[in-house]
PDB file of N, CA and C in Angstrom:
ATOM      1  N   UNK A   1       4.554  21.139  43.776  1.00  0.00           N
ATOM      2  CA  UNK A   1       5.500  20.539  42.840  1.00  0.00           C
ATOM      3  C   UNK A   1       4.732  19.860  41.710  1.00  0.00           C
ATOM      4  N   UNK A   2       5.129  20.101  40.448  1.00  0.00           N
ATOM      5  CA  UNK A   2       4.407  19.522  39.311  1.00  0.00           C
ATOM      6  C   UNK A   2       4.581  18.005  39.222  1.00  0.00           C
ATOM      7  N   UNK A   3       3.590  17.366  38.594  1.00  0.00           N
ATOM      8  CA  UNK A   3       3.619  15.918  38.418  1.00  0.00           C
ATOM      9  C   UNK A   3       4.227  15.526  37.080  1.00  0.00           C
ATOM     10  N   UNK A   4       4.970  16.397  36.455  1.00  0.00           N
ATOM     11  CA  UNK A   4       5.562  16.090  35.157  1.00  0.00           C
ATOM     12  C   UNK A   4       7.065  15.883  35.281  1.00  0.00           C
ATOM     13  N   UNK A   5       7.592  15.189  34.306  1.00  0.00           N
ATOM     14  CA  UNK A   5       9.025  14.915  34.215  1.00  0.00           C
ATOM     15  C   UNK A   5       9.489  15.417  32.855  1.00  0.00           C
ATOM     16  N   UNK A   6      10.668  15.958  32.806  1.00  0.00           N
ATOM     17  CA  UNK A   6      11.250  16.389  31.537  1.00  0.00           C
ATOM     18  C   UNK A   6      12.282  15.367  31.102  1.00  0.00           C
ATOM     19  N   UNK A   7      12.202  14.970  29.833  1.00  0.00           N
ATOM     20  CA  UNK A   7      13.156  14.033  29.260  1.00  0.00           C
ATOM     21  C   UNK A   7      13.687  14.647  27.971  1.00  0.00           C
ATOM     22  N   UNK A   8      14.972  14.530  27.759  1.00  0.00           N
ATOM     23  CA  UNK A   8      15.594  15.160  26.595  1.00  0.00           C
ATOM     24  C   UNK A   8      16.136  14.112  25.630  1.00  0.00           C
ATOM     25  N   UNK A   9      15.884  14.353  24.346  1.00  0.00           N
ATOM     26  CA  UNK A   9      16.483  13.570  23.270  1.00  0.00           C
ATOM     27  C   UNK A   9      17.281  14.563  22.442  1.00  0.00           C
ATOM     28  N   UNK A  10      18.552  14.261  22.221  1.00  0.00           N
ATOM     29  CA  UNK A  10      19.429  15.213  21.542  1.00  0.00           C
ATOM     30  C   UNK A  10      20.044  14.574  20.301  1.00  0.00           C
ATOM     31  N   UNK A  11      20.049  15.324  19.204  1.00  0.00           N
ATOM     32  CA  UNK A  11      20.686  14.914  17.964  1.00  0.00           C
ATOM     33  C   UNK A  11      21.827  15.873  17.665  1.00  0.00           C
ATOM     34  N   UNK A  12      22.987  15.336  17.320  1.00  0.00           N
ATOM     35  CA  UNK A  12      24.112  16.153  16.887  1.00  0.00           C
ATOM     36  C   UNK A  12      24.436  15.790  15.443  1.00  0.00           C
ATOM     37  N   UNK A  13      24.612  16.808  14.619  1.00  0.00           N
ATOM     38  CA  UNK A  13      24.881  16.602  13.197  1.00  0.00           C
ATOM     39  C   UNK A  13      26.200  17.285  12.863  1.00  0.00           C
ATOM     40  N   UNK A  14      27.167  16.492  12.416  1.00  0.00           N
ATOM     41  CA  UNK A  14      28.434  17.048  11.943  1.00  0.00           C
ATOM     42  C   UNK A  14      28.341  17.219  10.433  1.00  0.00           C
ATOM     43  N   UNK A  15      28.621  18.433   9.964  1.00  0.00           N
ATOM     44  CA  UNK A  15      28.484  18.764   8.547  1.00  0.00           C
ATOM     45  C   UNK A  15      29.851  19.001   7.915  1.00  0.00           C
ATOM     46  N   UNK A  16      29.939  18.706   6.612  1.00  0.00           N
ATOM     47  CA  UNK A  16      31.155  19.064   5.892  1.00  0.00           C
ATOM     48  C   UNK A  16      31.075  20.531   5.465  1.00  0.00           C
ATOM     49  N   UNK A  17      32.040  21.011   4.710  1.00  0.00           N
ATOM     50  CA  UNK A  17      32.073  22.415   4.318  1.00  0.00           C
ATOM     51  C   UNK A  17      30.890  22.812   3.443  1.00  0.00           C
ATOM     52  N   UNK A  18      30.235  21.846   2.810  1.00  0.00           N
ATOM     53  CA  UNK A  18      29.047  22.111   1.990  1.00  0.00           C
ATOM     54  C   UNK A  18      27.751  21.900   2.771  1.00  0.00           C
ATOM     55  N   UNK A  19      27.878  21.702   4.058  1.00  0.00           N
ATOM     56  CA  UNK A  19      26.745  21.497   4.965  1.00  0.00           C
ATOM     57  C   UNK A  19      26.002  20.182   4.700  1.00  0.00           C
ATOM     58  N   UNK A  20      26.737  19.191   4.223  1.00  0.00           N
ATOM     59  CA  UNK A  20      26.203  17.845   4.018  1.00  0.00           C
ATOM     60  C   UNK A  20      26.562  17.019   5.253  1.00  0.00           C
ATOM     61  N   UNK A  21      25.588  16.311   5.829  1.00  0.00           N
ATOM     62  CA  UNK A  21      25.883  15.531   7.034  1.00  0.00           C
ATOM     63  C   UNK A  21      26.966  14.474   6.817  1.00  0.00           C
ATOM     64  N   UNK A  22      27.947  14.505   7.691  1.00  0.00           N
ATOM     65  CA  UNK A  22      29.005  13.488   7.691  1.00  0.00           C
ATOM     66  C   UNK A  22      28.813  12.495   8.827  1.00  0.00           C
ATOM     67  N   UNK A  23      28.256  12.985   9.946  1.00  0.00           N
ATOM     68  CA  UNK A  23      28.076  12.117  11.107  1.00  0.00           C
ATOM     69  C   UNK A  23      26.836  12.557  11.870  1.00  0.00           C
ATOM     70  N   UNK A  24      26.037  11.581  12.285  1.00  0.00           N
ATOM     71  CA  UNK A  24      24.858  11.817  13.117  1.00  0.00           C
ATOM     72  C   UNK A  24      25.028  11.024  14.401  1.00  0.00           C
ATOM     73  N   UNK A  25      24.799  11.675  15.527  1.00  0.00           N
ATOM     74  CA  UNK A  25      24.769  10.957  16.799  1.00  0.00           C
ATOM     75  C   UNK A  25      23.543  11.414  17.577  1.00  0.00           C
ATOM     76  N   UNK A  26      23.058  10.525  18.439  1.00  0.00           N
ATOM     77  CA  UNK A  26      21.893  10.873  19.249  1.00  0.00           C
ATOM     78  C   UNK A  26      22.054  10.335  20.654  1.00  0.00           C
ATOM     79  N   UNK A  27      21.420  11.053  21.569  1.00  0.00           N
ATOM     80  CA  UNK A  27      21.469  10.706  22.979  1.00  0.00           C
ATOM     81  C   UNK A  27      20.056  10.780  23.544  1.00  0.00           C
ATOM     82  N   UNK A  28      19.675   9.760  24.275  1.00  0.00           N
ATOM     83  CA  UNK A  28      18.398   9.715  25.002  1.00  0.00           C
ATOM     84  C   UNK A  28      18.690   9.006  26.321  1.00  0.00           C
ATOM     85  N   UNK A  29      19.107   9.773  27.306  1.00  0.00           N
ATOM     86  CA  UNK A  29      19.578   9.179  28.549  1.00  0.00           C
ATOM     87  C   UNK A  29      18.522   8.319  29.228  1.00  0.00           C
ATOM     88  N   UNK A  30      17.253   8.715  29.151  1.00  0.00           N
ATOM     89  CA  UNK A  30      16.194   7.900  29.758  1.00  0.00           C
ATOM     90  C   UNK A  30      16.058   6.541  29.069  1.00  0.00           C
ATOM     91  N   UNK A  31      16.496   6.462  27.819  1.00  0.00           N
ATOM     92  CA  UNK A  31      16.444   5.203  27.077  1.00  0.00           C
ATOM     93  C   UNK A  31      17.765   4.461  27.063  1.00  0.00           C
ATOM     94  N   UNK A  32      18.746   4.988  27.783  1.00  0.00           N
ATOM     95  CA  UNK A  32      20.048   4.329  27.842  1.00  0.00           C
ATOM     96  C   UNK A  32      20.901   4.532  26.603  1.00  0.00           C
ATOM     97  N   UNK A  33      20.626   5.568  25.831  1.00  0.00           N
ATOM     98  CA  UNK A  33      21.383   5.848  24.611  1.00  0.00           C
ATOM     99  C   UNK A  33      22.288   7.040  24.874  1.00  0.00           C
ATOM    100  N   UNK A  34      23.586   6.860  24.633  1.00  0.00           N
ATOM    101  CA  UNK A  34      24.532   7.943  24.877  1.00  0.00           C
ATOM    102  C   UNK A  34      25.449   8.118  23.673  1.00  0.00           C
ATOM    103  N   UNK A  35      25.200   9.156  22.899  1.00  0.00           N
ATOM    104  CA  UNK A  35      26.022   9.512  21.729  1.00  0.00           C
ATOM    105  C   UNK A  35      26.205   8.336  20.769  1.00  0.00           C
ATOM    106  N   UNK A  36      25.092   7.652  20.468  1.00  0.00           N
ATOM    107  CA  UNK A  36      25.130   6.540  19.511  1.00  0.00           C
ATOM    108  C   UNK A  36      25.128   7.095  18.093  1.00  0.00           C
ATOM    109  N   UNK A  37      25.946   6.485  17.249  1.00  0.00           N
ATOM    110  CA  UNK A  37      26.030   6.934  15.861  1.00  0.00           C
ATOM    111  C   UNK A  37      24.879   6.347  15.048  1.00  0.00           C
ATOM    112  N   UNK A  38      24.405   7.136  14.097  1.00  0.00           N
ATOM    113  CA  UNK A  38      23.351   6.703  13.177  1.00  0.00           C
ATOM    114  C   UNK A  38      23.729   7.177  11.775  1.00  0.00           C
ATOM    115  N   UNK A  39      23.217   6.517  10.768  1.00  0.00           N
ATOM    116  CA  UNK A  39      23.473   6.915   9.384  1.00  0.00           C
ATOM    117  C   UNK A  39      22.329   7.741   8.809  1.00  0.00           C
ATOM    118  N   UNK A  40      21.141   7.661   9.424  1.00  0.00           N
ATOM    119  CA  UNK A  40      19.986   8.403   8.912  1.00  0.00           C
ATOM    120  C   UNK A  40      18.998   8.645  10.041  1.00  0.00           C
ATOM    121  N   UNK A  41      18.163   9.674   9.846  1.00  0.00           N
ATOM    122  CA  UNK A  41      17.102   9.966  10.805  1.00  0.00           C
ATOM    123  C   UNK A  41      15.957  10.667  10.090  1.00  0.00           C
ATOM    124  N   UNK A  42      14.766  10.454  10.594  1.00  0.00           N
ATOM    125  CA  UNK A  42      13.574  11.164  10.140  1.00  0.00           C
ATOM    126  C   UNK A  42      12.836  11.616  11.385  1.00  0.00           C
ATOM    127  N   UNK A  43      12.530  12.888  11.427  1.00  0.00           N
ATOM    128  CA  UNK A  43      11.817  13.441  12.568  1.00  0.00           C
ATOM    129  C   UNK A  43      10.615  14.208  12.042  1.00  0.00           C
ATOM    130  N   UNK A  44       9.446  13.894  12.555  1.00  0.00           N
ATOM    131  CA  UNK A  44       8.219  14.597  12.175  1.00  0.00           C
ATOM    132  C   UNK A  44       7.609  15.212  13.418  1.00  0.00           C
ATOM    133  N   UNK A  45       7.186  16.465  13.287  1.00  0.00           N
ATOM    134  CA  UNK A  45       6.570  17.189  14.389  1.00  0.00           C
ATOM    135  C   UNK A  45       5.268  17.785  13.885  1.00  0.00           C
ATOM    136  N   UNK A  46       4.188  17.600  14.652  1.00  0.00           N
ATOM    137  CA  UNK A  46       2.884  18.137  14.256  1.00  0.00           C
ATOM    138  C   UNK A  46       2.713  19.543  14.805  1.00  0.00           C
ATOM    139  N   UNK A  47       2.443  20.484  13.917  1.00  0.00           N
ATOM    140  CA  UNK A  47       2.155  21.869  14.296  1.00  0.00           C
ATOM    141  C   UNK A  47       0.639  22.042  14.230  1.00  0.00           C
ATOM    142  N   UNK A  48      -0.005  22.027  15.390  1.00  0.00           N
ATOM    143  CA  UNK A  48      -1.467  22.078  15.398  1.00  0.00           C
ATOM    144  C   UNK A  48      -2.004  23.451  15.001  1.00  0.00           C
ATOM    145  N   UNK A  49      -1.201  24.497  15.167  1.00  0.00           N
ATOM    146  CA  UNK A  49      -1.654  25.833  14.748  1.00  0.00           C
ATOM    147  C   UNK A  49      -1.824  25.918  13.243  1.00  0.00           C
ATOM    148  N   UNK A  50      -0.840  25.392  12.515  1.00  0.00           N
ATOM    149  CA  UNK A  50      -0.892  25.464  11.044  1.00  0.00           C
ATOM    150  C   UNK A  50      -1.478  24.205  10.422  1.00  0.00           C
ATOM    151  N   UNK A  51      -1.734  23.189  11.269  1.00  0.00           N
ATOM    152  CA  UNK A  51      -2.273  21.907  10.806  1.00  0.00           C
ATOM    153  C   UNK A  51      -1.382  21.285   9.733  1.00  0.00           C
ATOM    154  N   UNK A  52      -0.064  21.251  10.035  1.00  0.00           N
ATOM    155  CA  UNK A  52       0.864  20.636   9.092  1.00  0.00           C
ATOM    156  C   UNK A  52       2.014  19.961   9.827  1.00  0.00           C
ATOM    157  N   UNK A  53       2.626  19.040   9.133  1.00  0.00           N
ATOM    158  CA  UNK A  53       3.762  18.303   9.656  1.00  0.00           C
ATOM    159  C   UNK A  53       5.043  19.016   9.271  1.00  0.00           C
ATOM    160  N   UNK A  54       5.902  19.219  10.265  1.00  0.00           N
ATOM    161  CA  UNK A  54       7.228  19.773  10.039  1.00  0.00           C
ATOM    162  C   UNK A  54       8.210  18.605  10.104  1.00  0.00           C
ATOM    163  N   UNK A  55       9.184  18.591   9.205  1.00  0.00           N
ATOM    164  CA  UNK A  55      10.051  17.415   9.107  1.00  0.00           C
ATOM    165  C   UNK A  55      11.517  17.788   9.025  1.00  0.00           C
ATOM    166  N   UNK A  56      12.323  16.878   9.536  1.00  0.00           N
ATOM    167  CA  UNK A  56      13.761  16.902   9.326  1.00  0.00           C
ATOM    168  C   UNK A  56      14.142  15.496   8.873  1.00  0.00           C
ATOM    169  N   UNK A  57      14.654  15.388   7.675  1.00  0.00           N
ATOM    170  CA  UNK A  57      15.130  14.115   7.137  1.00  0.00           C
ATOM    171  C   UNK A  57      16.611  14.289   6.817  1.00  0.00           C
ATOM    172  N   UNK A  58      17.456  13.530   7.487  1.00  0.00           N
ATOM    173  CA  UNK A  58      18.896  13.633   7.282  1.00  0.00           C
ATOM    174  C   UNK A  58      19.507  12.255   7.114  1.00  0.00           C
ATOM    175  N   UNK A  59      20.523  12.172   6.288  1.00  0.00           N
ATOM    176  CA  UNK A  59      21.315  10.956   6.184  1.00  0.00           C
ATOM    177  C   UNK A  59      22.739  11.357   5.842  1.00  0.00           C
ATOM    178  N   UNK A  60      23.677  10.543   6.304  1.00  0.00           N
ATOM    179  CA  UNK A  60      25.080  10.838   6.051  1.00  0.00           C
ATOM    180  C   UNK A  60      25.419  10.473   4.611  1.00  0.00           C
ATOM    181  N   UNK A  61      26.479  11.111   4.118  1.00  0.00           N
ATOM    182  CA  UNK A  61      26.838  10.872   2.716  1.00  0.00           C
ATOM    183  C   UNK A  61      27.353   9.459   2.483  1.00  0.00           C
ATOM    184  N   UNK A  62      27.681   8.730   3.556  1.00  0.00           N
ATOM    185  CA  UNK A  62      28.126   7.350   3.375  1.00  0.00           C
ATOM    186  C   UNK A  62      27.029   6.326   3.698  1.00  0.00           C
ATOM    187  N   UNK A  63      25.772   6.778   3.765  1.00  0.00           N
ATOM    188  CA  UNK A  63      24.643   5.855   3.986  1.00  0.00           C
ATOM    189  C   UNK A  63      24.441   5.041   2.707  1.00  0.00           C
ATOM    190  N   UNK A  64      24.608   3.711   2.776  1.00  0.00           N
ATOM    191  CA  UNK A  64      24.431   2.887   1.578  1.00  0.00           C
ATOM    192  C   UNK A  64      22.968   2.854   1.130  1.00  0.00           C
ATOM    193  N   UNK A  65      22.755   2.820  -0.172  1.00  0.00           N
ATOM    194  CA  UNK A  65      21.403   2.822  -0.736  1.00  0.00           C
ATOM    195  C   UNK A  65      20.620   1.594  -0.266  1.00  0.00           C
ATOM    196  N   UNK A  66      21.252   0.432  -0.199  1.00  0.00           N
ATOM    197  CA  UNK A  66      20.523  -0.761   0.244  1.00  0.00           C
ATOM    198  C   UNK A  66      20.056  -0.611   1.689  1.00  0.00           C
ATOM    199  N   UNK A  67      20.850   0.040   2.539  1.00  0.00           N
ATOM    200  CA  UNK A  67      20.422   0.286   3.914  1.00  0.00           C
ATOM    201  C   UNK A  67      19.321   1.344   3.965  1.00  0.00           C
ATOM    202  N   UNK A  68      19.370   2.321   3.071  1.00  0.00           N
ATOM    203  CA  UNK A  68      18.318   3.344   3.016  1.00  0.00           C
ATOM    204  C   UNK A  68      16.980   2.694   2.660  1.00  0.00           C
ATOM    205  N   UNK A  69      16.986   1.743   1.752  1.00  0.00           N
ATOM    206  CA  UNK A  69      15.750   1.044   1.386  1.00  0.00           C
ATOM    207  C   UNK A  69      15.188   0.283   2.589  1.00  0.00           C
ATOM    208  N   UNK A  70      16.061  -0.392   3.338  1.00  0.00           N
ATOM    209  CA  UNK A  70      15.616  -1.092   4.548  1.00  0.00           C
ATOM    210  C   UNK A  70      15.096  -0.102   5.586  1.00  0.00           C
ATOM    211  N   UNK A  71      15.794   1.015   5.751  1.00  0.00           N
ATOM    212  CA  UNK A  71      15.383   2.048   6.701  1.00  0.00           C
ATOM    213  C   UNK A  71      13.985   2.553   6.372  1.00  0.00           C
ATOM    214  N   UNK A  72      13.723   2.836   5.100  1.00  0.00           N
ATOM    215  CA  UNK A  72      12.398   3.294   4.698  1.00  0.00           C
ATOM    216  C   UNK A  72      11.347   2.222   4.956  1.00  0.00           C
ATOM    217  N   UNK A  73      11.650   0.976   4.600  1.00  0.00           N
ATOM    218  CA  UNK A  73      10.674  -0.092   4.810  1.00  0.00           C
ATOM    219  C   UNK A  73      10.340  -0.240   6.288  1.00  0.00           C
ATOM    220  N   UNK A  74      11.358  -0.292   7.132  1.00  0.00           N
ATOM    221  CA  UNK A  74      11.117  -0.456   8.558  1.00  0.00           C
ATOM    222  C   UNK A  74      10.381   0.751   9.142  1.00  0.00           C
ATOM    223  N   UNK A  75      10.660   1.936   8.614  1.00  0.00           N
ATOM    224  CA  UNK A  75       9.950   3.139   9.062  1.00  0.00           C
ATOM    225  C   UNK A  75       8.480   3.075   8.668  1.00  0.00           C
ATOM    226  N   UNK A  76       8.202   2.626   7.453  1.00  0.00           N
ATOM    227  CA  UNK A  76       6.807   2.494   7.014  1.00  0.00           C
ATOM    228  C   UNK A  76       6.051   1.478   7.867  1.00  0.00           C
ATOM    229  N   UNK A  77       6.689   0.357   8.183  1.00  0.00           N
ATOM    230  CA  UNK A  77       6.057  -0.657   9.046  1.00  0.00           C
ATOM    231  C   UNK A  77       5.790  -0.058  10.435  1.00  0.00           C
ATOM    232  N   UNK A  78       6.768   0.653  10.980  1.00  0.00           N
ATOM    233  CA  UNK A  78       6.589   1.274  12.297  1.00  0.00           C
ATOM    234  C   UNK A  78       5.477   2.320  12.268  1.00  0.00           C
ATOM    235  N   UNK A  79       5.386   3.080  11.178  1.00  0.00           N
ATOM    236  CA  UNK A  79       4.314   4.072  11.059  1.00  0.00           C
ATOM    237  C   UNK A  79       2.956   3.389  11.014  1.00  0.00           C
ATOM    238  N   UNK A  80       2.871   2.242  10.365  1.00  0.00           N
ATOM    239  CA  UNK A  80       1.618   1.476  10.339  1.00  0.00           C
ATOM    240  C   UNK A  80       1.225   1.057  11.750  1.00  0.00           C
ATOM    241  N   UNK A  81       2.190   0.568  12.511  1.00  0.00           N
ATOM    242  CA  UNK A  81       1.926   0.155  13.893  1.00  0.00           C
ATOM    243  C   UNK A  81       1.484   1.345  14.746  1.00  0.00           C
ATOM    244  N   UNK A  82       2.172   2.472  14.578  1.00  0.00           N
ATOM    245  CA  UNK A  82       1.827   3.672  15.336  1.00  0.00           C
ATOM    246  C   UNK A  82       0.437   4.169  14.960  1.00  0.00           C
ATOM    247  N   UNK A  83       0.131   4.161  13.666  1.00  0.00           N
ATOM    248  CA  UNK A  83      -1.190   4.568  13.195  1.00  0.00           C
ATOM    249  C   UNK A  83      -2.268   3.713  13.856  1.00  0.00           C
ATOM    250  N   UNK A  84      -2.026   2.411  13.932  1.00  0.00           N
ATOM    251  CA  UNK A  84      -3.003   1.504  14.542  1.00  0.00           C
ATOM    252  C   UNK A  84      -3.195   1.821  16.031  1.00  0.00           C
ATOM    253  N   UNK A  85      -2.081   2.023  16.749  1.00  0.00           N
ATOM    254  CA  UNK A  85      -2.187   2.338  18.180  1.00  0.00           C
ATOM    255  C   UNK A  85      -2.895   3.674  18.408  1.00  0.00           C
ATOM    256  N   UNK A  86      -2.665   4.636  17.509  1.00  0.00           N
ATOM    257  CA  UNK A  86      -3.229   5.970  17.687  1.00  0.00           C
ATOM    258  C   UNK A  86      -4.693   6.068  17.287  1.00  0.00           C
ATOM    259  N   UNK A  87      -5.115   5.247  16.315  1.00  0.00           N
ATOM    260  CA  UNK A  87      -6.468   5.400  15.766  1.00  0.00           C
ATOM    261  C   UNK A  87      -7.364   4.186  15.949  1.00  0.00           C
ATOM    262  N   UNK A  88      -6.783   3.023  16.206  1.00  0.00           N
ATOM    263  CA  UNK A  88      -7.527   1.755  16.246  1.00  0.00           C
ATOM    264  C   UNK A  88      -8.250   1.473  14.937  1.00  0.00           C
ATOM    265  N   UNK A  89      -7.756   2.018  13.842  1.00  0.00           N
ATOM    266  CA  UNK A  89      -8.359   1.804  12.516  1.00  0.00           C
ATOM    267  C   UNK A  89      -7.700   0.576  11.886  1.00  0.00           C
ATOM    268  N   UNK A  90      -8.276  -0.587  12.187  1.00  0.00           N
ATOM    269  CA  UNK A  90      -7.710  -1.866  11.732  1.00  0.00           C
ATOM    270  C   UNK A  90      -7.718  -1.992  10.210  1.00  0.00           C
ATOM    271  N   UNK A  91      -8.777  -1.502   9.573  1.00  0.00           N
ATOM    272  CA  UNK A  91      -8.889  -1.638   8.121  1.00  0.00           C
ATOM    273  C   UNK A  91      -7.788  -0.858   7.405  1.00  0.00           C
ATOM    274  N   UNK A  92      -7.564   0.393   7.797  1.00  0.00           N
ATOM    275  CA  UNK A  92      -6.523   1.183   7.153  1.00  0.00           C
ATOM    276  C   UNK A  92      -5.145   0.655   7.520  1.00  0.00           C
ATOM    277  N   UNK A  93      -4.990   0.177   8.747  1.00  0.00           N
ATOM    278  CA  UNK A  93      -3.709  -0.411   9.140  1.00  0.00           C
ATOM    279  C   UNK A  93      -3.383  -1.600   8.253  1.00  0.00           C
ATOM    280  N   UNK A  94      -4.364  -2.441   7.979  1.00  0.00           N
ATOM    281  CA  UNK A  94      -4.144  -3.597   7.100  1.00  0.00           C
ATOM    282  C   UNK A  94      -3.755  -3.139   5.698  1.00  0.00           C
ATOM    283  N   UNK A  95      -4.383  -2.080   5.218  1.00  0.00           N
ATOM    284  CA  UNK A  95      -4.046  -1.538   3.896  1.00  0.00           C
ATOM    285  C   UNK A  95      -2.610  -1.020   3.897  1.00  0.00           C
ATOM    286  N   UNK A  96      -2.234  -0.333   4.958  1.00  0.00           N
ATOM    287  CA  UNK A  96      -0.860   0.170   5.061  1.00  0.00           C
ATOM    288  C   UNK A  96       0.139  -0.984   5.108  1.00  0.00           C
ATOM    289  N   UNK A  97      -0.173  -2.034   5.847  1.00  0.00           N
ATOM    290  CA  UNK A  97       0.714  -3.201   5.927  1.00  0.00           C
ATOM    291  C   UNK A  97       0.827  -3.882   4.565  1.00  0.00           C
ATOM    292  N   UNK A  98      -0.280  -3.927   3.817  1.00  0.00           N
ATOM    293  CA  UNK A  98      -0.230  -4.483   2.455  1.00  0.00           C
ATOM    294  C   UNK A  98       0.749  -3.685   1.596  1.00  0.00           C
ATOM    295  N   UNK A  99       0.701  -2.354   1.722  1.00  0.00           N
ATOM    296  CA  UNK A  99       1.650  -1.534   0.968  1.00  0.00           C
ATOM    297  C   UNK A  99       3.085  -1.827   1.402  1.00  0.00           C
ATOM    298  N   UNK A 100       3.308  -1.991   2.699  1.00  0.00           N
ATOM    299  CA  UNK A 100       4.650  -2.312   3.190  1.00  0.00           C
ATOM    300  C   UNK A 100       5.156  -3.620   2.587  1.00  0.00           C
ATOM    301  N   UNK A 101       4.272  -4.603   2.503  1.00  0.00           N
ATOM    302  CA  UNK A 101       4.636  -5.880   1.873  1.00  0.00           C
ATOM    303  C   UNK A 101       4.973  -5.679   0.400  1.00  0.00           C
ATOM    304  N   UNK A 102       4.162  -4.885  -0.293  1.00  0.00           N
ATOM    305  CA  UNK A 102       4.394  -4.571  -1.707  1.00  0.00           C
ATOM    306  C   UNK A 102       5.735  -3.851  -1.883  1.00  0.00           C
ATOM    307  N   UNK A 103       5.993  -2.869  -1.032  1.00  0.00           N
ATOM    308  CA  UNK A 103       7.238  -2.104  -1.052  1.00  0.00           C
ATOM    309  C   UNK A 103       8.441  -3.046  -0.914  1.00  0.00           C
ATOM    310  N   UNK A 104       8.379  -3.951   0.070  1.00  0.00           N
ATOM    311  CA  UNK A 104       9.465  -4.895   0.307  1.00  0.00           C
ATOM    312  C   UNK A 104       9.628  -5.844  -0.879  1.00  0.00           C
ATOM    313  N   UNK A 105       8.520  -6.283  -1.443  1.00  0.00           N
ATOM    314  CA  UNK A 105       8.577  -7.189  -2.596  1.00  0.00           C
ATOM    315  C   UNK A 105       9.234  -6.505  -3.790  1.00  0.00           C
ATOM    316  N   UNK A 106       8.800  -5.296  -4.118  1.00  0.00           N
ATOM    317  CA  UNK A 106       9.326  -4.577  -5.285  1.00  0.00           C
ATOM    318  C   UNK A 106      10.811  -4.229  -5.133  1.00  0.00           C
ATOM    319  N   UNK A 107      11.254  -3.986  -3.892  1.00  0.00           N
ATOM    320  CA  UNK A 107      12.666  -3.677  -3.662  1.00  0.00           C
ATOM    321  C   UNK A 107      13.477  -4.930  -3.341  1.00  0.00           C
ATOM    322  N   UNK A 108      12.806  -6.082  -3.378  1.00  0.00           N
ATOM    323  CA  UNK A 108      13.426  -7.371  -3.109  1.00  0.00           C
ATOM    324  C   UNK A 108      14.152  -7.368  -1.749  1.00  0.00           C
ATOM    325  N   UNK A 109      13.436  -6.903  -0.737  1.00  0.00           N
ATOM    326  CA  UNK A 109      13.999  -6.833   0.613  1.00  0.00           C
ATOM    327  C   UNK A 109      13.811  -8.127   1.398  1.00  0.00           C
ATOM    328  N   UNK A 110      12.965  -9.020   0.907  1.00  0.00           N
ATOM    329  CA  UNK A 110      12.637 -10.243   1.643  1.00  0.00           C
ATOM    330  C   UNK A 110      13.482 -11.436   1.212  1.00  0.00           C
ATOM    331  N   UNK A 111      14.697 -11.190   0.817  1.00  0.00           N
ATOM    332  CA  UNK A 111      15.551 -12.301   0.372  1.00  0.00           C
ATOM    333  C   UNK A 111      16.157 -13.012   1.534  1.00  0.00           C
TER     334      UNK A 111
END
C-alpha cells in the first residue's frame, strides 16, 4: 500500500453567455472549505518540461476595483513569504517586501 494521500481542490466557474465569470466557488475538503464563494483567483502551475509558469487568473464581473487592489497586494505579500520559505533568500525577500510596501503606499491601501 502506498504512503501517499490524494487531496482534491476544486474550482467551479459560472460564466455568462459571453464566457465572463459571474460566480467562482471552491472546495478543499481537507481544509474544511465547501463550495465557498470567491470574487477572484490566481493559480500558477510550474511546467518543468517547458520551464515556464502556466496561469489562470479569473475574477467575477462584480469584483470591485478597490478589493482587486487589496487582493493583489495581499497576493504579493504572500508570494514574498513563499519565496522566503522556498529559497531562504532573505535579501531578495526584503527587497520584495519593500516593493509590497511601495505598492500599498502608492495605492493608498494603508489608510
